[in-house]
Amino acid sequence: MQRAEISVRQNRTHMTKFSDLKLSPKVLKAIDEAGYESPTPIQAGAIPPALEGRDVLGIAQTGTGKTASFTLPMITMLARGRARARMPRSLVLCPTRELAAQVAENFDTYAKNVKLTKALLIGGVSFKEQDMAIDKGVDVLIATPGRLLDHFERGKLILNDVKIMVVDEADRMLDMGFIPDIERIFGLTPFTRQTLFFSATMAPEIERITNTFLSNPERIEVARQATTNKNITQGVLEFKASRKDREGSEKRKVLRALIDAEGDKCTNAIIFCNRKMDVDIVAKSLKKYGYDAAPIHGDLDQSQRTKTLDGFREGTLRFLVASDVAARGLDVPSVSHVYNFDVPSHAEDYVHRIGRTGRAGRDGTAIMICVPRDEKNLADVERLVQHEIPRLENPLGSAKAPAKEAEKPAEDAPKSEKPKRSRSRSRKSDDAPKAKAPEAANQNVADDAGKADKQSSDAPAQAKQEKSDAERHTKRDGAQDGKKDSKRNDTRDNNRSRNDNRGGGRNDNRGGGRGNNDRGGNRVVGLGDHTPEFIELSFAERPDS
C-alpha cells in the first residue's frame, strides 16, 4: 500500500499541465488568464486527492504554491450548491491577517468565472460589515482563529454546514499559540467534513492534531528546502559593538551603511526584526536619517497595516520594517533586498524571510547582521541550508576597531594610578618622622613622672587628705546620682534642670565635674525661668560644711 502511494505521488509530480488535474473548465480558464501553465510539486500532489474528497496532509515550505493547491479544488467542488445565511460551506483558517487577506485575493483571481461568495473575518475590522456578509450566506469563509470564535460566541455564525475545512501554515499557528483554538473549531464543524491540512514542518503537536482530526489523509511531502533559492545572493555581517550599551545604535548605523553600500541596486527592501519593539525603533531610526520606511507588526491597527503593505506593494514605500508577520504568505514579486536585522530564533524562519526576494525568477539579495549572542542561531541556520553563508566586511571599517579604542583607557589605567601610588608612598614618608614621636613622648612621660614623684614625696599628708575626701565624695555622689535618675523619669524638664544645677554645681566646686559630664557636655541656659548657676553656687549650702 505504501509503495503504491509513493508511485502515485511520483506520477502526479511529473505532470506538467493544470489541464491534467481534472479541474473545472472555468477554473482552468482563470489559471490560464493568470499566466500559469505548470503546477508546482505540492499542487500536483494535493489537487487530485482533494478533488476525490479525501483528507490531505501537505508538508511544504512557504512559496511553493500551497495556497493554489487548496483554493483550486475548493472552487471546483463548491461550484455546485448554494450557501445559506450564517452557514458557510467551507472554512479556511490562517495564522495572520495578511495571509488571510492574500488567500482571499487568490480566491478572487481563480473564482472570477464562478459565482461564489466569500467573507474575510480578521481582527481590526468592524464587526458590523462582517456580520452583514455572513448573514447573506457565504461559500468560502476565510478567517483568523480569534475573530472566527468571536463571531461564533456572539451567535452570528453556525459551522454545522462546513463541508471543506482548510488549515494553512499550521506550524505558524503552533508558534502563535492558536492550537487550542484550532482544536475547538474542529469540534464545532461536522465530523464528515473534508480536511486539507498544510504545514511547513511536522512538530509533534502538529502530528498529534493530524492523527486526531484527519481521516486516512493523503500525505504529500515536498522535499524540505535544504538549500535556498539560487537566485538569492546571501551574506552575513558578524558585528561586535564597542560597548554593550551601544549595541543597538551601532547596529542600526551598520544597517544604514549596508543599505547605502548597495546603492541603486536596492530598489526596495524588507527589514526583519525578531521583536515588535525593535521593529518600531528601527523604522523610526531610518525615518530620522531620511530613509522612506514604515513598520508593520501584529500590534498595529489593521487599517494602518493594510495601508503600509499596499504602499510597499505599489512602490510608494521603499523600506518595510517587519516582524515575522510578513515572513510568510506575502507575495510582493519585486522585492530586491531582504535585511535580517536579527538572526531569526527559528532556522526555518530564515528561509521564509529571504523567500520574500528572488521570486518569479528574479535576482535577490539577503543580508543578515549577527551579533555574538546570535552565533548559535546562525549555526542553526547554516545547518538547515546546508552551506556556510558568506561573511561580509563591515562597510564602516573593522568591527573590532571600536573595541580596541574602548580598551585604550584600560591600558592607560596603570599610568593614571602611578600618582596614587606616589601619593601613598609620600604618605608613608610623611609618617616616617612621626615614628620618632613615641620616643619624645616617652621622654616627656618620664619627665612628668619625675615631677610627679617629686611632688608626691613633698606632700604625703596632702595625698591622704585627698583620698579621704574622694571617698566621701564617692558616697555622696552615688546617692545623688540615684536621686537624679528617679527624678528624670518622674519630673518635668524644670525639676530636672533644678536638680541638675544643685548636684552639678556642688560637683563642679569639688572638682569632679560629674554633673556636666552626665549631660553629655556644655549646657546653654537661658535667663527666662532659669536661674544662672553662678548665682545658685554662691548661695548653695554645702552638705558637708
Protein backbone atom coordinates (compact mmCIF):
# COMPACT_ATOMS: atom_id res chain seq x y z
CA MET A 1 0.00 0.00 0.00
CA GLN A 2 2.80 2.37 0.89
CA ARG A 3 4.68 1.64 -2.36
CA ALA A 4 1.52 2.30 -4.37
CA GLU A 5 1.03 5.68 -2.71
CA ILE A 6 4.65 6.64 -3.42
CA SER A 7 4.36 5.69 -7.09
CA VAL A 8 1.09 7.60 -7.47
CA ARG A 9 2.65 10.62 -5.82
CA GLN A 10 5.65 10.45 -8.16
CA ASN A 11 3.42 10.16 -11.23
CA ARG A 12 1.44 13.21 -10.12
CA THR A 13 4.62 15.15 -9.55
CA HIS A 14 5.70 14.53 -13.15
CA MET A 15 2.52 16.09 -14.52
CA THR A 16 3.33 19.25 -16.40
CA LYS A 17 -0.04 20.96 -17.03
CA PHE A 18 -3.05 22.01 -14.96
CA SER A 19 -5.33 20.50 -17.59
CA ASP A 20 -4.24 17.05 -16.40
CA LEU A 21 -5.56 17.69 -12.85
CA LYS A 22 -9.31 17.39 -13.69
CA LEU A 23 -10.14 20.95 -12.67
CA SER A 24 -13.29 22.62 -13.97
CA PRO A 25 -13.02 24.48 -17.31
CA LYS A 26 -13.85 27.80 -15.67
CA VAL A 27 -11.04 27.35 -13.15
CA LEU A 28 -8.59 26.34 -15.90
CA LYS A 29 -9.55 29.48 -17.81
CA ALA A 30 -8.79 31.65 -14.77
CA ILE A 31 -5.44 29.89 -14.31
CA ASP A 32 -4.54 30.50 -17.94
CA GLU A 33 -5.53 34.17 -17.65
CA ALA A 34 -3.31 34.46 -14.58
CA GLY A 35 -0.36 33.26 -16.67
CA TYR A 36 0.28 29.88 -15.05
CA GLU A 37 0.85 26.72 -17.05
CA SER A 38 2.53 24.06 -14.92
CA PRO A 39 1.65 23.13 -11.32
CA THR A 40 4.26 23.05 -8.58
CA PRO A 41 5.04 19.70 -6.88
CA ILE A 42 2.74 20.40 -3.93
CA GLN A 43 -0.08 21.42 -6.30
CA ALA A 44 0.38 18.36 -8.48
CA GLY A 45 0.31 16.11 -5.43
CA ALA A 46 -2.54 17.74 -3.45
CA ILE A 47 -5.15 18.72 -6.07
CA PRO A 48 -6.14 15.22 -7.37
CA PRO A 49 -6.86 13.64 -3.91
CA ALA A 50 -8.64 16.84 -2.83
CA LEU A 51 -10.95 16.58 -5.86
CA GLU A 52 -11.65 12.99 -4.86
CA GLY A 53 -12.91 14.20 -1.44
CA ARG A 54 -10.02 12.76 0.57
CA ASP A 55 -8.27 14.41 3.50
CA VAL A 56 -4.92 15.87 2.51
CA LEU A 57 -1.82 16.46 4.62
CA GLY A 58 0.58 18.72 2.70
CA ILE A 59 4.07 19.41 4.00
CA ALA A 60 5.96 22.09 2.09
CA GLN A 61 7.78 25.35 2.70
CA THR A 62 6.27 28.75 2.02
CA GLY A 63 6.49 29.96 -1.55
CA THR A 64 5.84 26.51 -3.03
CA GLY A 65 2.27 27.26 -4.12
CA LYS A 66 0.30 25.79 -1.19
CA THR A 67 -2.45 28.40 -1.48
CA ALA A 68 -3.40 27.36 -5.01
CA SER A 69 -3.18 23.69 -4.03
CA PHE A 70 -6.34 24.09 -1.91
CA THR A 71 -8.12 27.06 -3.50
CA LEU A 72 -8.31 25.46 -6.97
CA PRO A 73 -10.00 22.20 -5.89
CA MET A 74 -12.28 24.10 -3.47
CA ILE A 75 -13.58 26.36 -6.24
CA THR A 76 -14.20 23.35 -8.48
CA MET A 77 -16.15 21.47 -5.78
CA LEU A 78 -18.08 24.49 -4.46
CA ALA A 79 -19.30 25.48 -7.93
CA ARG A 80 -22.16 23.05 -7.29
CA GLY A 81 -24.51 24.10 -4.49
CA ARG A 82 -25.67 27.22 -2.72
CA ALA A 83 -24.80 28.80 0.62
CA ARG A 84 -27.32 29.53 3.36
CA ALA A 85 -27.37 32.51 5.73
CA ARG A 86 -24.77 32.36 8.55
CA MET A 87 -23.79 28.83 7.44
CA PRO A 88 -20.60 28.88 5.34
CA ARG A 89 -19.93 25.89 3.10
CA SER A 90 -16.16 25.98 3.52
CA LEU A 91 -13.70 27.39 6.03
CA VAL A 92 -10.07 28.46 5.60
CA LEU A 93 -8.05 29.24 8.76
CA CYS A 94 -4.90 31.39 8.51
CA PRO A 95 -2.49 32.48 11.26
CA THR A 96 -2.19 36.17 10.30
CA ARG A 97 -4.44 38.86 8.87
CA GLU A 98 -2.08 39.48 5.94
CA LEU A 99 -2.04 35.82 4.93
CA ALA A 100 -5.83 35.61 5.23
CA ALA A 101 -6.20 38.68 3.02
CA GLN A 102 -3.84 37.16 0.46
CA VAL A 103 -5.83 33.90 0.40
CA ALA A 104 -8.94 35.99 -0.27
CA GLU A 105 -7.16 37.64 -3.21
CA ASN A 106 -6.31 34.19 -4.61
CA PHE A 107 -9.99 33.22 -4.48
CA ASP A 108 -10.87 36.40 -6.34
CA THR A 109 -8.28 35.56 -9.01
CA TYR A 110 -9.24 31.93 -9.59
CA ALA A 111 -13.01 32.18 -8.99
CA LYS A 112 -13.74 35.16 -11.21
CA ASN A 113 -15.54 32.91 -13.72
CA VAL A 114 -17.55 31.16 -11.00
CA LYS A 115 -20.31 32.72 -8.91
CA LEU A 116 -19.04 32.13 -5.38
CA THR A 117 -19.38 34.38 -2.38
CA LYS A 118 -16.72 34.81 0.26
CA ALA A 119 -16.18 36.65 3.53
CA LEU A 120 -12.98 37.67 5.29
CA LEU A 121 -13.06 37.61 9.10
CA ILE A 122 -9.96 39.22 10.57
CA GLY A 123 -9.25 41.45 13.54
CA GLY A 124 -9.02 45.21 13.33
CA VAL A 125 -12.12 45.46 11.11
CA SER A 126 -15.65 46.39 12.13
CA PHE A 127 -17.89 43.51 13.21
CA LYS A 128 -20.88 45.12 11.51
CA GLU A 129 -19.59 44.74 7.95
CA GLN A 130 -18.50 41.16 8.61
CA ASP A 131 -21.89 40.30 10.13
CA MET A 132 -23.67 41.65 7.05
CA ALA A 133 -21.53 39.45 4.77
CA ILE A 134 -22.19 36.35 6.90
CA ASP A 135 -25.94 37.00 7.02
CA LYS A 136 -26.12 36.93 3.22
CA GLY A 137 -24.54 33.48 3.17
CA VAL A 138 -21.02 32.71 2.01
CA ASP A 139 -19.50 29.82 0.13
CA VAL A 140 -15.97 30.46 1.37
CA LEU A 141 -15.20 31.83 4.83
CA ILE A 142 -11.57 32.92 5.32
CA ALA A 143 -10.69 33.79 8.89
CA THR A 144 -8.13 34.01 11.65
CA PRO A 145 -9.00 31.74 14.61
CA GLY A 146 -9.59 34.51 17.15
CA ARG A 147 -12.03 36.55 15.08
CA LEU A 148 -13.87 33.42 13.95
CA LEU A 149 -14.53 32.38 17.55
CA ASP A 150 -15.61 35.94 18.40
CA HIS A 151 -18.37 35.74 15.77
CA PHE A 152 -19.37 32.25 16.88
CA GLU A 153 -19.67 33.28 20.55
CA ARG A 154 -21.81 36.26 19.55
CA GLY A 155 -24.22 33.85 17.85
CA LYS A 156 -23.59 35.25 14.37
CA LEU A 157 -22.04 32.13 12.89
CA ILE A 158 -23.06 28.48 12.52
CA LEU A 159 -20.46 25.92 11.44
CA ASN A 160 -22.75 22.89 11.04
CA ASP A 161 -22.71 23.09 7.24
CA VAL A 162 -18.94 23.26 6.69
CA LYS A 163 -18.04 20.66 4.06
CA ILE A 164 -14.39 21.60 3.46
CA MET A 165 -12.04 22.87 6.15
CA VAL A 166 -8.52 24.12 5.42
CA VAL A 167 -5.77 24.84 7.95
CA ASP A 168 -2.96 26.83 6.34
CA GLU A 169 0.52 27.33 7.87
CA ALA A 170 -0.25 25.03 10.81
CA ASP A 171 3.28 25.29 12.22
CA ARG A 172 2.90 29.05 12.36
CA MET A 173 -0.38 28.52 14.21
CA LEU A 174 1.56 26.47 16.73
CA ASP A 175 4.17 29.21 17.20
CA MET A 176 1.46 31.82 17.77
CA GLY A 177 -0.42 29.71 20.32
CA PHE A 178 -3.52 29.07 18.19
CA ILE A 179 -3.57 25.28 18.53
CA PRO A 180 -6.20 25.23 21.34
CA ASP A 181 -8.45 27.45 19.19
CA ILE A 182 -7.90 25.17 16.19
CA GLU A 183 -8.93 22.13 18.22
CA ARG A 184 -12.06 23.92 19.41
CA ILE A 185 -13.00 24.92 15.85
CA PHE A 186 -12.52 21.33 14.70
CA GLY A 187 -15.05 20.31 17.35
CA LEU A 188 -17.60 22.82 16.05
CA THR A 189 -17.52 21.51 12.48
CA PRO A 190 -19.20 18.29 11.23
CA PHE A 191 -17.31 15.05 11.60
CA THR A 192 -17.98 14.28 7.93
CA ARG A 193 -16.12 17.34 6.66
CA GLN A 194 -13.14 17.12 4.30
CA THR A 195 -9.93 18.47 5.84
CA LEU A 196 -6.96 19.93 3.96
CA PHE A 197 -4.06 20.47 6.35
CA PHE A 198 -0.86 22.28 5.30
CA SER A 199 2.30 22.89 7.29
CA ALA A 200 5.95 23.66 6.58
CA THR A 201 7.17 21.35 9.36
CA MET A 202 5.73 18.47 11.34
CA ALA A 203 6.25 19.22 15.01
CA PRO A 204 4.98 16.57 17.48
CA GLU A 205 1.98 18.76 18.37
CA ILE A 206 1.06 19.16 14.69
CA GLU A 207 1.35 15.43 14.12
CA ARG A 208 -0.92 14.78 17.12
CA ILE A 209 -3.63 17.03 15.66
CA THR A 210 -3.44 15.40 12.24
CA ASN A 211 -3.76 11.95 13.81
CA THR A 212 -6.79 13.13 15.79
CA PHE A 213 -8.78 15.14 13.24
CA LEU A 214 -7.76 13.78 9.82
CA SER A 215 -9.15 10.53 8.47
CA ASN A 216 -6.72 8.45 6.41
CA PRO A 217 -5.16 11.53 4.77
CA GLU A 218 -3.18 11.54 1.56
CA ARG A 219 0.27 12.71 2.64
CA ILE A 220 2.12 14.88 0.13
CA GLU A 221 5.55 15.91 1.30
CA VAL A 222 7.70 18.14 -0.86
CA ALA A 223 11.40 17.86 -0.07
CA ARG A 224 12.30 20.35 2.64
CA GLN A 225 14.18 23.34 1.34
CA ALA A 226 17.65 22.36 2.45
CA THR A 227 19.03 24.92 0.02
CA THR A 228 17.61 28.36 -0.58
CA ASN A 229 16.80 29.87 -3.95
CA LYS A 230 19.87 30.05 -6.17
CA ASN A 231 18.75 33.46 -7.41
CA ILE A 232 19.31 34.93 -3.93
CA THR A 233 22.77 36.27 -3.05
CA GLN A 234 23.27 35.74 0.67
CA GLY A 235 25.67 37.31 3.14
CA VAL A 236 26.13 37.78 6.86
CA LEU A 237 27.99 40.51 8.72
CA GLU A 238 29.40 39.44 12.08
CA PHE A 239 29.25 42.58 14.17
CA LYS A 240 30.52 43.33 17.67
CA ALA A 241 29.65 46.63 19.32
CA SER A 242 32.26 48.76 21.06
CA ARG A 243 30.20 48.60 24.24
CA LYS A 244 27.20 46.57 25.25
CA ASP A 245 25.02 49.61 25.95
CA ARG A 246 25.79 50.98 22.47
CA GLU A 247 24.93 47.81 20.56
CA GLY A 248 21.51 48.96 19.38
CA SER A 249 22.59 52.34 17.98
CA GLU A 250 25.77 50.98 16.40
CA LYS A 251 23.85 48.07 14.87
CA ARG A 252 21.36 50.48 13.29
CA LYS A 253 24.29 52.51 11.96
CA VAL A 254 25.69 49.35 10.35
CA LEU A 255 22.28 48.65 8.79
CA ARG A 256 22.21 52.09 7.18
CA ALA A 257 25.75 51.56 5.89
CA LEU A 258 24.76 48.20 4.35
CA ILE A 259 21.80 49.83 2.61
CA ASP A 260 23.97 52.65 1.29
CA ALA A 261 26.61 50.16 0.09
CA GLU A 262 24.03 48.51 -2.21
CA GLY A 263 23.27 51.84 -3.84
CA ASP A 264 20.76 51.84 -6.69
CA LYS A 265 20.59 48.04 -6.68
CA CYS A 266 18.40 48.28 -3.57
CA THR A 267 15.15 49.47 -5.08
CA ASN A 268 13.12 48.33 -2.07
CA ALA A 269 13.65 46.03 0.90
CA ILE A 270 12.01 44.23 3.79
CA ILE A 271 13.92 44.56 7.08
CA PHE A 272 13.07 41.79 9.55
CA CYS A 273 13.40 42.12 13.32
CA ASN A 274 12.71 39.47 15.95
CA ARG A 275 10.80 41.75 18.33
CA LYS A 276 7.95 44.17 17.71
CA MET A 277 9.66 46.81 19.85
CA ASP A 278 12.75 46.68 17.61
CA VAL A 279 10.53 47.00 14.53
CA ASP A 280 9.27 50.37 15.76
CA ILE A 281 12.74 51.54 16.84
CA VAL A 282 14.44 50.61 13.54
CA ALA A 283 11.66 52.18 11.45
CA LYS A 284 11.82 55.39 13.48
CA SER A 285 15.61 55.49 13.21
CA LEU A 286 15.55 55.04 9.43
CA LYS A 287 12.98 57.81 9.03
CA LYS A 288 15.10 60.07 11.23
CA TYR A 289 18.05 59.65 8.85
CA GLY A 290 16.00 60.27 5.71
CA TYR A 291 15.06 56.72 4.66
CA ASP A 292 11.49 56.09 3.47
CA ALA A 293 10.48 53.39 5.99
CA ALA A 294 7.39 52.25 7.88
CA PRO A 295 6.76 49.46 10.43
CA ILE A 296 4.35 46.54 10.27
CA HIS A 297 3.65 44.09 13.11
CA GLY A 298 0.78 42.48 14.96
CA ASP A 299 0.18 45.29 17.47
CA LEU A 300 -0.60 47.92 14.84
CA ASP A 301 -4.14 48.81 13.80
CA GLN A 302 -5.34 46.77 10.83
CA SER A 303 -6.06 49.84 8.70
CA GLN A 304 -2.50 51.05 9.25
CA ARG A 305 -1.09 47.61 8.43
CA THR A 306 -3.12 47.44 5.21
CA LYS A 307 -2.12 50.97 4.19
CA THR A 308 1.58 50.26 4.84
CA LEU A 309 1.51 46.97 2.94
CA ASP A 310 -0.36 48.49 -0.01
CA GLY A 311 2.16 51.33 -0.17
CA PHE A 312 5.03 48.88 -0.27
CA ARG A 313 3.40 46.79 -2.99
CA GLU A 314 2.63 49.87 -5.08
CA GLY A 315 6.19 51.18 -4.74
CA THR A 316 5.39 54.36 -2.80
CA LEU A 317 7.16 52.94 0.27
CA ARG A 318 10.78 51.82 -0.12
CA PHE A 319 11.55 50.07 3.19
CA LEU A 320 9.16 47.82 5.10
CA VAL A 321 10.38 47.09 8.64
CA ALA A 322 8.54 43.96 9.74
CA SER A 323 8.24 41.21 12.28
CA ASP A 324 7.66 37.62 11.15
CA VAL A 325 4.04 38.57 10.45
CA ALA A 326 5.36 39.44 6.97
CA ALA A 327 7.67 36.44 6.66
CA ARG A 328 5.03 34.03 5.34
CA GLY A 329 2.41 34.27 2.67
CA LEU A 330 3.15 37.81 1.49
CA ASP A 331 3.64 37.87 -2.26
CA VAL A 332 5.42 41.03 -3.41
CA PRO A 333 7.23 39.93 -6.59
CA SER A 334 9.59 42.90 -6.94
CA VAL A 335 11.42 42.90 -3.55
CA SER A 336 15.10 43.42 -4.36
CA HIS A 337 16.59 43.02 -0.87
CA VAL A 338 15.86 41.38 2.46
CA TYR A 339 17.78 42.55 5.53
CA ASN A 340 17.73 40.42 8.66
CA PHE A 341 18.43 42.96 11.38
CA ASP A 342 18.34 39.99 13.78
CA VAL A 343 19.23 36.36 13.20
CA PRO A 344 15.87 34.53 13.43
CA SER A 345 15.34 32.41 16.54
CA HIS A 346 14.00 29.53 14.42
CA ALA A 347 16.14 28.47 11.49
CA GLU A 348 13.08 27.81 9.30
CA ASP A 349 12.12 31.47 9.56
CA TYR A 350 15.32 32.39 7.73
CA VAL A 351 14.11 30.51 4.66
CA HIS A 352 10.69 32.17 4.93
CA ARG A 353 12.20 35.63 5.31
CA ILE A 354 14.64 35.57 2.42
CA GLY A 355 11.97 33.90 0.31
CA ARG A 356 10.33 37.34 0.01
CA THR A 357 13.04 38.25 -2.53
CA GLY A 358 14.21 36.45 -5.67
CA ARG A 359 10.66 35.48 -6.61
CA ALA A 360 9.37 34.62 -10.09
CA GLY A 361 12.90 34.07 -11.44
CA ARG A 362 14.20 37.48 -10.36
CA ASP A 363 17.54 38.02 -8.62
CA GLY A 364 17.52 38.93 -4.95
CA THR A 365 19.88 39.79 -2.12
CA ALA A 366 19.61 38.71 1.52
CA ILE A 367 21.92 40.28 4.11
CA MET A 368 21.96 39.43 7.82
CA ILE A 369 23.59 41.08 10.85
CA CYS A 370 24.86 38.72 13.53
CA VAL A 371 25.97 39.85 17.00
CA PRO A 372 27.92 37.50 19.28
CA ARG A 373 24.86 36.28 21.22
CA ASP A 374 23.21 35.16 17.93
CA GLU A 375 26.08 32.93 16.81
CA LYS A 376 24.22 29.79 17.93
CA ASN A 377 21.17 30.75 15.85
CA LEU A 378 23.44 31.46 12.89
CA ALA A 379 24.93 27.97 13.20
CA ASP A 380 21.38 26.51 13.17
CA VAL A 381 20.56 28.45 10.00
CA GLU A 382 23.69 27.24 8.23
CA ARG A 383 22.95 23.69 9.32
CA LEU A 384 19.46 23.97 7.80
CA VAL A 385 20.53 25.44 4.46
CA GLN A 386 23.49 23.04 4.41
CA HIS A 387 26.10 25.58 3.46
CA GLU A 388 28.10 28.36 5.05
CA ILE A 389 26.70 31.82 4.43
CA PRO A 390 29.45 34.10 3.04
CA ARG A 391 30.85 36.64 5.51
CA LEU A 392 30.69 40.33 4.65
CA GLU A 393 33.04 43.13 5.60
CA ASN A 394 31.75 45.98 7.70
CA PRO A 395 31.24 48.99 5.37
CA LEU A 396 32.14 51.25 8.29
CA GLY A 397 35.51 49.56 8.71
CA SER A 398 36.75 46.85 11.04
CA ALA A 399 34.19 45.98 13.68
CA LYS A 400 37.00 45.29 16.13
CA ALA A 401 38.46 48.80 15.92
CA PRO A 402 35.92 50.39 18.28
CA ALA A 403 36.59 47.63 20.78
CA LYS A 404 40.32 48.42 20.75
CA GLU A 405 39.62 52.09 21.24
CA ALA A 406 37.44 51.22 24.17
CA GLU A 407 40.28 49.20 25.65
CA LYS A 408 42.82 52.05 25.47
CA PRO A 409 41.68 53.71 28.69
CA ALA A 410 42.09 50.35 30.40
CA GLU A 411 45.66 50.12 29.11
CA ASP A 412 46.37 53.64 30.27
CA ALA A 413 44.87 52.93 33.66
CA PRO A 414 48.21 51.90 35.31
CA LYS A 415 49.70 55.25 34.27
CA SER A 416 46.90 57.10 35.94
CA GLU A 417 47.36 55.01 39.03
CA LYS A 418 51.05 55.94 39.41
CA PRO A 419 50.30 59.27 41.09
CA LYS A 420 48.11 57.37 43.54
CA ARG A 421 50.98 55.06 44.40
CA SER A 422 53.35 58.02 44.68
CA ARG A 423 50.88 59.75 46.97
CA SER A 424 50.65 56.63 49.10
CA ARG A 425 54.44 56.50 49.28
CA SER A 426 54.52 60.18 50.17
CA ARG A 427 52.11 59.47 52.95
CA LYS A 428 54.44 56.82 54.26
CA SER A 429 57.37 59.22 54.02
CA ASP A 430 55.37 61.87 55.83
CA ASP A 431 54.55 59.38 58.51
CA ALA A 432 58.17 58.36 58.95
CA PRO A 433 59.19 61.35 61.11
CA LYS A 434 56.16 60.68 63.25
CA ALA A 435 57.67 57.33 64.19
CA LYS A 436 60.10 59.23 66.37
CA ALA A 437 57.24 60.81 68.23
CA PRO A 438 56.83 57.90 70.66
CA GLU A 439 60.43 58.35 71.78
CA ALA A 440 59.78 62.00 72.50
CA ALA A 441 56.53 61.10 74.11
CA ASN A 442 58.28 58.56 76.31
CA GLN A 443 60.82 61.19 77.28
CA ASN A 444 58.05 63.62 78.19
CA VAL A 445 56.26 60.93 80.16
CA ALA A 446 59.46 60.20 82.02
CA ASP A 447 59.93 63.90 82.83
CA ASP A 448 56.35 64.19 84.02
CA ALA A 449 56.74 61.06 86.06
CA GLY A 450 59.85 62.57 87.73
CA LYS A 451 57.96 65.71 88.57
CA ALA A 452 55.06 63.68 89.91
CA ASP A 453 57.39 61.65 92.12
CA LYS A 454 58.92 64.82 93.45
CA GLN A 455 55.55 66.34 94.21
CA SER A 456 54.32 63.14 95.84
CA SER A 457 57.37 62.94 98.05
CA ASP A 458 56.88 66.53 99.16
CA ALA A 459 53.19 66.20 100.14
CA PRO A 460 52.32 62.77 101.67
CA ALA A 461 49.85 64.31 104.06
CA GLN A 462 48.01 66.05 101.25
CA ALA A 463 47.59 62.75 99.40
CA LYS A 464 46.00 61.14 102.46
CA GLN A 465 43.60 64.07 102.80
CA GLU A 466 42.57 63.89 99.10
CA LYS A 467 41.97 60.15 99.47
CA SER A 468 39.58 60.62 102.38
CA ASP A 469 37.81 63.47 100.56
CA ALA A 470 37.42 61.31 97.46
CA GLU A 471 35.79 58.53 99.45
CA ARG A 472 33.28 60.95 100.97
CA HIS A 473 32.51 62.44 97.54
CA THR A 474 32.02 58.99 96.02
CA LYS A 475 29.42 58.01 98.60
CA ARG A 476 27.63 61.31 98.38
CA ASP A 477 27.68 61.43 94.53
CA GLY A 478 26.43 57.87 94.26
CA ALA A 479 23.42 58.71 96.41
CA GLN A 480 22.77 61.88 94.44
CA ASP A 481 23.07 60.04 91.10
CA GLY A 482 20.34 57.61 92.20
CA LYS A 483 18.09 60.52 93.12
CA LYS A 484 18.77 62.17 89.75
CA ASP A 485 17.82 59.03 87.81
CA SER A 486 14.48 58.76 89.58
CA LYS A 487 13.75 62.45 89.10
CA ARG A 488 14.49 62.20 85.35
CA ASN A 489 11.78 59.61 84.96
CA ASP A 490 9.13 61.28 87.17
CA THR A 491 9.52 65.07 86.81
CA ARG A 492 9.37 67.66 84.03
CA ASP A 493 12.31 69.49 82.47
CA ASN A 494 12.25 72.32 85.04
CA ASN A 495 12.59 69.99 88.02
CA ARG A 496 15.29 68.03 86.22
CA SER A 497 17.14 71.25 85.45
CA ARG A 498 16.90 72.41 89.07
CA ASN A 499 18.21 69.10 90.40
CA ASP A 500 20.99 69.15 87.85
CA ASN A 501 22.02 72.63 88.91
CA ARG A 502 22.16 71.70 92.57
CA GLY A 503 24.07 68.46 92.07
CA GLY A 504 26.19 69.72 89.18
CA GLY A 505 27.28 72.87 90.96
CA ARG A 506 28.48 71.02 94.02
CA ASN A 507 30.36 68.51 91.91
CA ASP A 508 31.94 71.29 89.86
CA ASN A 509 33.10 73.06 93.02
CA ARG A 510 34.59 69.89 94.40
CA GLY A 511 36.50 69.37 91.14
CA GLY A 512 34.55 66.29 89.94
CA GLY A 513 32.51 67.93 87.14
CA ARG A 514 30.26 64.84 87.17
CA GLY A 515 27.01 66.74 86.66
CA ASN A 516 28.09 68.21 83.33
CA ASN A 517 29.65 65.01 82.10
CA ASP A 518 26.43 63.08 82.76
CA ARG A 519 24.59 65.50 80.49
CA GLY A 520 27.00 64.98 77.63
CA GLY A 521 28.84 68.30 77.56
CA ASN A 522 28.15 72.04 77.90
CA ARG A 523 24.60 73.29 78.52
CA VAL A 524 23.04 76.51 77.27
CA VAL A 525 20.85 78.07 79.98
CA GLY A 526 18.55 80.99 79.25
CA LEU A 527 17.71 83.87 81.62
CA GLY A 528 13.91 83.34 81.50
CA ASP A 529 12.60 80.93 84.11
CA HIS A 530 16.07 79.62 84.91
CA THR A 531 18.47 80.96 87.46
CA PRO A 532 22.11 81.19 86.39
CA GLU A 533 24.29 78.57 88.01
CA PHE A 534 26.83 81.02 89.38
CA ILE A 535 24.09 82.69 91.45
CA GLU A 536 22.94 79.38 92.93
CA LEU A 537 26.51 78.37 93.59
CA SER A 538 27.16 81.48 95.59
CA PHE A 539 24.25 80.77 98.00
CA ALA A 540 24.30 76.94 97.97
CA GLU A 541 24.78 75.30 101.34
CA ARG A 542 27.36 72.63 101.42
CA PRO A 543 26.02 69.43 102.97
CA ASP A 544 29.40 68.61 104.43
CA SER A 545 30.01 72.02 105.98
